[in-house]
């Protein structure tokens, strides 16, 4: 099974929630400001939906 690493830059996140809503494996949760938190990276299937839809280019998904 392939594993993936998510590089996430919280300083660019504006808490839109797109990545959280679109992730099919529920990899993300939110912090107290509503920004995404990579909580379950081990569940990532590498679909890159978060990366492709993030308006602020906060995420990059790579094969580990």
PDB file of N, CA and C in Angstrom:
ATOM      1  N   UNK A   1       0.843  -1.181   0.000  1.00  0.00           N
ATOM      2  CA  UNK A   1       0.000   0.000   0.000  1.00  0.00           C
ATOM      3  C   UNK A   1       0.891   1.248   0.000  1.00  0.00           C
ATOM      4  N   UNK A   2       0.591   2.166  -0.896  1.00  0.00           N
ATOM      5  CA  UNK A   2       1.362   3.401  -0.968  1.00  0.00           C
ATOM      6  C   UNK A   2       1.042   4.298   0.208  1.00  0.00           C
ATOM      7  N   UNK A   3       2.041   5.050   0.633  1.00  0.00           N
ATOM      8  CA  UNK A   3       1.855   6.025   1.705  1.00  0.00           C
ATOM      9  C   UNK A   3       2.135   7.413   1.140  1.00  0.00           C
ATOM     10  N   UNK A   4       1.451   8.396   1.715  1.00  0.00           N
ATOM     11  CA  UNK A   4       1.579   9.759   1.224  1.00  0.00           C
ATOM     12  C   UNK A   4       1.895  10.713   2.359  1.00  0.00           C
ATOM     13  N   UNK A   5       2.621  11.750   2.011  1.00  0.00           N
ATOM     14  CA  UNK A   5       3.005  12.799   2.948  1.00  0.00           C
ATOM     15  C   UNK A   5       2.317  14.086   2.493  1.00  0.00           C
ATOM     16  N   UNK A   6       1.714  14.786   3.438  1.00  0.00           N
ATOM     17  CA  UNK A   6       1.044  16.040   3.131  1.00  0.00           C
ATOM     18  C   UNK A   6       1.857  17.181   3.716  1.00  0.00           C
ATOM     19  N   UNK A   7       2.332  18.037   2.839  1.00  0.00           N
ATOM     20  CA  UNK A   7       3.025  19.244   3.277  1.00  0.00           C
ATOM     21  C   UNK A   7       1.972  20.340   3.331  1.00  0.00           C
ATOM     22  N   UNK A   8       1.774  20.886   4.509  1.00  0.00           N
ATOM     23  CA  UNK A   8       0.697  21.849   4.741  1.00  0.00           C
ATOM     24  C   UNK A   8       1.266  23.116   5.357  1.00  0.00           C
ATOM     25  N   UNK A   9       0.943  24.247   4.774  1.00  0.00           N
ATOM     26  CA  UNK A   9       1.398  25.545   5.266  1.00  0.00           C
ATOM     27  C   UNK A   9       0.221  26.281   5.909  1.00  0.00           C
ATOM     28  N   UNK A  10       0.086  26.147   7.209  1.00  0.00           N
ATOM     29  CA  UNK A  10      -1.032  26.745   7.936  1.00  0.00           C
ATOM     30  C   UNK A  10      -1.065  28.268   7.835  1.00  0.00           C
ATOM     31  N   UNK A  11       0.091  28.885   7.663  1.00  0.00           N
ATOM     32  CA  UNK A  11       0.125  30.352   7.606  1.00  0.00           C
ATOM     33  C   UNK A  11      -0.603  30.899   6.378  1.00  0.00           C
ATOM     34  N   UNK A  12      -0.785  30.092   5.340  1.00  0.00           N
ATOM     35  CA  UNK A  12      -1.506  30.534   4.146  1.00  0.00           C
ATOM     36  C   UNK A  12      -2.989  30.196   4.204  1.00  0.00           C
ATOM     37  N   UNK A  13      -3.392  29.333   5.109  1.00  0.00           N
ATOM     38  CA  UNK A  13      -4.773  28.860   5.206  1.00  0.00           C
ATOM     39  C   UNK A  13      -5.702  29.967   5.692  1.00  0.00           C
ATOM     40  N   UNK A  14      -6.848  30.125   4.999  1.00  0.00           N
ATOM     41  CA  UNK A  14      -7.841  31.118   5.417  1.00  0.00           C
ATOM     42  C   UNK A  14      -9.097  30.456   5.990  1.00  0.00           C
ATOM     43  N   UNK A  15      -8.993  29.176   6.314  1.00  0.00           N
ATOM     44  CA  UNK A  15     -10.068  28.426   6.972  1.00  0.00           C
ATOM     45  C   UNK A  15     -11.334  28.338   6.129  1.00  0.00           C
ATOM     46  N   UNK A  16     -11.183  28.112   4.836  1.00  0.00           N
ATOM     47  CA  UNK A  16     -12.354  28.002   3.961  1.00  0.00           C
ATOM     48  C   UNK A  16     -13.062  26.663   4.126  1.00  0.00           C
ATOM     49  N   UNK A  17     -12.345  25.617   4.538  1.00  0.00           N
ATOM     50  CA  UNK A  17     -12.945  24.310   4.779  1.00  0.00           C
ATOM     51  C   UNK A  17     -13.092  23.424   3.557  1.00  0.00           C
ATOM     52  N   UNK A  18     -12.614  23.872   2.402  1.00  0.00           N
ATOM     53  CA  UNK A  18     -12.752  23.083   1.179  1.00  0.00           C
ATOM     54  C   UNK A  18     -12.046  21.732   1.311  1.00  0.00           C
ATOM     55  N   UNK A  19     -10.816  21.743   1.800  1.00  0.00           N
ATOM     56  CA  UNK A  19     -10.065  20.485   1.930  1.00  0.00           C
ATOM     57  C   UNK A  19     -10.770  19.514   2.870  1.00  0.00           C
ATOM     58  N   UNK A  20     -11.306  20.036   3.944  1.00  0.00           N
ATOM     59  CA  UNK A  20     -11.984  19.201   4.935  1.00  0.00           C
ATOM     60  C   UNK A  20     -13.252  18.593   4.337  1.00  0.00           C
ATOM     61  N   UNK A  21     -13.997  19.403   3.630  1.00  0.00           N
ATOM     62  CA  UNK A  21     -15.253  18.941   3.039  1.00  0.00           C
ATOM     63  C   UNK A  21     -15.079  17.968   1.889  1.00  0.00           C
ATOM     64  N   UNK A  22     -13.998  18.099   1.125  1.00  0.00           N
ATOM     65  CA  UNK A  22     -13.810  17.266  -0.059  1.00  0.00           C
ATOM     66  C   UNK A  22     -12.989  16.004   0.176  1.00  0.00           C
ATOM     67  N   UNK A  23     -12.250  15.931   1.262  1.00  0.00           N
ATOM     68  CA  UNK A  23     -11.386  14.774   1.497  1.00  0.00           C
ATOM     69  C   UNK A  23     -12.224  13.502   1.691  1.00  0.00           C
ATOM     70  N   UNK A  24     -12.041  12.506   0.804  1.00  0.00           N
ATOM     71  CA  UNK A  24     -12.845  11.286   0.921  1.00  0.00           C
ATOM     72  C   UNK A  24     -12.461  10.401   2.109  1.00  0.00           C
ATOM     73  N   UNK A  25     -11.291  10.620   2.684  1.00  0.00           N
ATOM     74  CA  UNK A  25     -10.818   9.782   3.792  1.00  0.00           C
ATOM     75  C   UNK A  25     -10.754  10.522   5.123  1.00  0.00           C
ATOM     76  N   UNK A  26     -11.291  11.725   5.169  1.00  0.00           N
ATOM     77  CA  UNK A  26     -11.358  12.513   6.417  1.00  0.00           C
ATOM     78  C   UNK A  26      -9.996  12.654   7.083  1.00  0.00           C
ATOM     79  N   UNK A  27      -9.011  13.060   6.290  1.00  0.00           N
ATOM     80  CA  UNK A  27      -7.644  13.247   6.775  1.00  0.00           C
ATOM     81  C   UNK A  27      -7.532  14.484   7.668  1.00  0.00           C
ATOM     82  N   UNK A  28      -8.404  15.466   7.440  1.00  0.00           N
ATOM     83  CA  UNK A  28      -8.304  16.754   8.130  1.00  0.00           C
ATOM     84  C   UNK A  28      -9.356  16.951   9.207  1.00  0.00           C
ATOM     85  N   UNK A  29      -8.963  17.682  10.234  1.00  0.00           N
ATOM     86  CA  UNK A  29      -9.883  18.225  11.232  1.00  0.00           C
ATOM     87  C   UNK A  29      -9.579  19.724  11.284  1.00  0.00           C
ATOM     88  N   UNK A  30     -10.156  20.430  12.243  1.00  0.00           N
ATOM     89  CA  UNK A  30      -9.887  21.866  12.342  1.00  0.00           C
ATOM     90  C   UNK A  30      -9.298  22.219  13.698  1.00  0.00           C
ATOM     91  N   UNK A  31      -8.579  23.341  13.714  1.00  0.00           N
ATOM     92  CA  UNK A  31      -8.083  23.856  14.976  1.00  0.00           C
ATOM     93  C   UNK A  31      -9.092  24.863  15.520  1.00  0.00           C
ATOM     94  N   UNK A  32      -8.754  25.548  16.581  1.00  0.00           N
ATOM     95  CA  UNK A  32      -9.682  26.478  17.219  1.00  0.00           C
ATOM     96  C   UNK A  32     -10.006  27.692  16.350  1.00  0.00           C
ATOM     97  N   UNK A  33      -9.209  27.949  15.315  1.00  0.00           N
ATOM     98  CA  UNK A  33      -9.475  29.055  14.392  1.00  0.00           C
ATOM     99  C   UNK A  33     -10.244  28.605  13.148  1.00  0.00           C
ATOM    100  N   UNK A  34     -10.512  27.310  13.060  1.00  0.00           N
ATOM    101  CA  UNK A  34     -11.207  26.763  11.899  1.00  0.00           C
ATOM    102  C   UNK A  34     -10.283  26.374  10.753  1.00  0.00           C
ATOM    103  N   UNK A  35      -8.980  26.476  10.987  1.00  0.00           N
ATOM    104  CA  UNK A  35      -8.015  26.094   9.961  1.00  0.00           C
ATOM    105  C   UNK A  35      -7.821  24.583   9.951  1.00  0.00           C
ATOM    106  N   UNK A  36      -7.462  24.069   8.802  1.00  0.00           N
ATOM    107  CA  UNK A  36      -7.251  22.631   8.654  1.00  0.00           C
ATOM    108  C   UNK A  36      -6.072  22.150   9.480  1.00  0.00           C
ATOM    109  N   UNK A  37      -6.204  20.935   9.976  1.00  0.00           N
ATOM    110  CA  UNK A  37      -5.134  20.242  10.691  1.00  0.00           C
ATOM    111  C   UNK A  37      -5.038  18.848  10.070  1.00  0.00           C
ATOM    112  N   UNK A  38      -3.832  18.438   9.702  1.00  0.00           N
ATOM    113  CA  UNK A  38      -3.628  17.097   9.160  1.00  0.00           C
ATOM    114  C   UNK A  38      -3.628  16.133  10.340  1.00  0.00           C
ATOM    115  N   UNK A  39      -4.771  15.528  10.591  1.00  0.00           N
ATOM    116  CA  UNK A  39      -4.942  14.680  11.776  1.00  0.00           C
ATOM    117  C   UNK A  39      -4.766  13.191  11.497  1.00  0.00           C
ATOM    118  N   UNK A  40      -5.068  12.786  10.279  1.00  0.00           N
ATOM    119  CA  UNK A  40      -5.032  11.359   9.954  1.00  0.00           C
ATOM    120  C   UNK A  40      -4.314  11.129   8.623  1.00  0.00           C
ATOM    121  N   UNK A  41      -3.064  11.580   8.558  1.00  0.00           N
ATOM    122  CA  UNK A  41      -2.274  11.465   7.335  1.00  0.00           C
ATOM    123  C   UNK A  41      -2.170  10.017   6.855  1.00  0.00           C
ATOM    124  N   UNK A  42      -2.191   9.083   7.775  1.00  0.00           N
ATOM    125  CA  UNK A  42      -2.089   7.665   7.421  1.00  0.00           C
ATOM    126  C   UNK A  42      -3.267   7.189   6.564  1.00  0.00           C
ATOM    127  N   UNK A  43      -4.369   7.932   6.570  1.00  0.00           N
ATOM    128  CA  UNK A  43      -5.536   7.572   5.766  1.00  0.00           C
ATOM    129  C   UNK A  43      -5.494   8.136   4.347  1.00  0.00           C
ATOM    130  N   UNK A  44      -4.526   8.993   4.063  1.00  0.00           N
ATOM    131  CA  UNK A  44      -4.438   9.661   2.764  1.00  0.00           C
ATOM    132  C   UNK A  44      -4.220   8.638   1.651  1.00  0.00           C
ATOM    133  N   UNK A  45      -5.017   8.745   0.578  1.00  0.00           N
ATOM    134  CA  UNK A  45      -4.907   7.839  -0.572  1.00  0.00           C
ATOM    135  C   UNK A  45      -4.233   8.514  -1.772  1.00  0.00           C
ATOM    136  N   UNK A  46      -3.794   9.753  -1.598  1.00  0.00           N
ATOM    137  CA  UNK A  46      -3.065  10.448  -2.651  1.00  0.00           C
ATOM    138  C   UNK A  46      -3.914  10.958  -3.795  1.00  0.00           C
ATOM    139  N   UNK A  47      -5.173  11.191  -3.571  1.00  0.00           N
ATOM    140  CA  UNK A  47      -6.058  11.664  -4.643  1.00  0.00           C
ATOM    141  C   UNK A  47      -5.784  13.123  -5.025  1.00  0.00           C
ATOM    142  N   UNK A  48      -5.155  13.864  -4.134  1.00  0.00           N
ATOM    143  CA  UNK A  48      -4.786  15.271  -4.328  1.00  0.00           C
ATOM    144  C   UNK A  48      -5.981  16.214  -4.468  1.00  0.00           C
ATOM    145  N   UNK A  49      -7.148  15.772  -4.043  1.00  0.00           N
ATOM    146  CA  UNK A  49      -8.325  16.640  -4.105  1.00  0.00           C
ATOM    147  C   UNK A  49      -8.099  17.903  -3.287  1.00  0.00           C
ATOM    148  N   UNK A  50      -7.502  17.770  -2.123  1.00  0.00           N
ATOM    149  CA  UNK A  50      -7.230  18.937  -1.283  1.00  0.00           C
ATOM    150  C   UNK A  50      -6.269  19.897  -1.976  1.00  0.00           C
ATOM    151  N   UNK A  51      -5.216  19.343  -2.539  1.00  0.00           N
ATOM    152  CA  UNK A  51      -4.211  20.162  -3.218  1.00  0.00           C
ATOM    153  C   UNK A  51      -4.792  20.886  -4.431  1.00  0.00           C
ATOM    154  N   UNK A  52      -5.591  20.185  -5.210  1.00  0.00           N
ATOM    155  CA  UNK A  52      -6.149  20.752  -6.435  1.00  0.00           C
ATOM    156  C   UNK A  52      -7.223  21.808  -6.196  1.00  0.00           C
ATOM    157  N   UNK A  53      -7.917  21.722  -5.064  1.00  0.00           N
ATOM    158  CA  UNK A  53      -9.022  22.645  -4.801  1.00  0.00           C
ATOM    159  C   UNK A  53      -8.705  23.752  -3.805  1.00  0.00           C
ATOM    160  N   UNK A  54      -7.553  23.704  -3.168  1.00  0.00           N
ATOM    161  CA  UNK A  54      -7.200  24.730  -2.188  1.00  0.00           C
ATOM    162  C   UNK A  54      -6.940  26.066  -2.897  1.00  0.00           C
ATOM    163  N   UNK A  55      -7.733  27.093  -2.583  1.00  0.00           N
ATOM    164  CA  UNK A  55      -7.554  28.386  -3.251  1.00  0.00           C
ATOM    165  C   UNK A  55      -6.279  29.121  -2.825  1.00  0.00           C
ATOM    166  N   UNK A  56      -5.668  28.692  -1.751  1.00  0.00           N
ATOM    167  CA  UNK A  56      -4.472  29.365  -1.237  1.00  0.00           C
ATOM    168  C   UNK A  56      -3.208  28.532  -1.367  1.00  0.00           C
ATOM    169  N   UNK A  57      -3.296  27.405  -2.067  1.00  0.00           N
ATOM    170  CA  UNK A  57      -2.138  26.538  -2.315  1.00  0.00           C
ATOM    171  C   UNK A  57      -1.418  26.146  -1.025  1.00  0.00           C
ATOM    172  N   UNK A  58      -2.189  25.753  -0.025  1.00  0.00           N
ATOM    173  CA  UNK A  58      -1.633  25.387   1.283  1.00  0.00           C
ATOM    174  C   UNK A  58      -1.093  23.962   1.329  1.00  0.00           C
ATOM    175  N   UNK A  59      -1.589  23.089   0.458  1.00  0.00           N
ATOM    176  CA  UNK A  59      -1.246  21.678   0.551  1.00  0.00           C
ATOM    177  C   UNK A  59      -0.473  21.184  -0.661  1.00  0.00           C
ATOM    178  N   UNK A  60       0.407  20.229  -0.365  1.00  0.00           N
ATOM    179  CA  UNK A  60       1.073  19.482  -1.417  1.00  0.00           C
ATOM    180  C   UNK A  60       1.115  18.038  -0.966  1.00  0.00           C
ATOM    181  N   UNK A  61       0.588  17.149  -1.785  1.00  0.00           N
ATOM    182  CA  UNK A  61       0.554  15.731  -1.455  1.00  0.00           C
ATOM    183  C   UNK A  61       1.619  15.023  -2.276  1.00  0.00           C
ATOM    184  N   UNK A  62       2.488  14.286  -1.584  1.00  0.00           N
ATOM    185  CA  UNK A  62       3.570  13.559  -2.241  1.00  0.00           C
ATOM    186  C   UNK A  62       3.586  12.117  -1.781  1.00  0.00           C
ATOM    187  N   UNK A  63       4.052  11.253  -2.648  1.00  0.00           N
ATOM    188  CA  UNK A  63       4.230   9.862  -2.259  1.00  0.00           C
ATOM    189  C   UNK A  63       5.415   9.774  -1.311  1.00  0.00           C
ATOM    190  N   UNK A  64       5.225   9.078  -0.206  1.00  0.00           N
ATOM    191  CA  UNK A  64       6.280   8.985   0.812  1.00  0.00           C
ATOM    192  C   UNK A  64       7.279   7.919   0.466  1.00  0.00           C
TER     193      UNK A  64
END
